[in-house]
Amino acid sequence: QLQLKQSGGGLAQPGGSLRLSCSETRFGLDYHAIVWFRQVPGKEREGVACISSSGLSTNYADSVKGRFTASKDRAKDTVYLQMNSLKPEDTAVYYCAASSGSTETMCEDPESLKRVFFYDYWGPGTQVNVSS
């Protein structure tokens, strides 16, 4: 089983930046796409970014497109979510997730950001607060 570890997050001012990391040191992420989700209390988990197992394909929710960038360092088995131009509405707990059914092309399907049930490996979550 994958064990996803997360780091990063914290407090940023509106317009600022933060970077989240998601890593898996036992089995690596060579064969798994990673999807970033976020959740605020009382709301459903929202998928914001998907990056393929190769790191060559990405997909973003409209709410973060142009501001967030997912990337992958294959040597470190780490995926990053660079969050720029942060807004107060980006405040949430952010999770990285992977699926045992991952394919290289899954991020090309916009539904990859919506199928929460598809992901069976989850990071512990990290809080992001955007406030002045």
Foldseek 3Di string as FASTA:
>chain_A
DWAKAKDKADEAAQQAKIKMKIATPPPALLQKKKWKWWDDPPDDIFTAKIAFSVQPDMDGDPVQPPFWDWGDDRVRSMIMIIGGSDDQVVWTWMKMFIAPPGDRCPRVDPCVRVPPVRTDYMYPTDTHGYHD
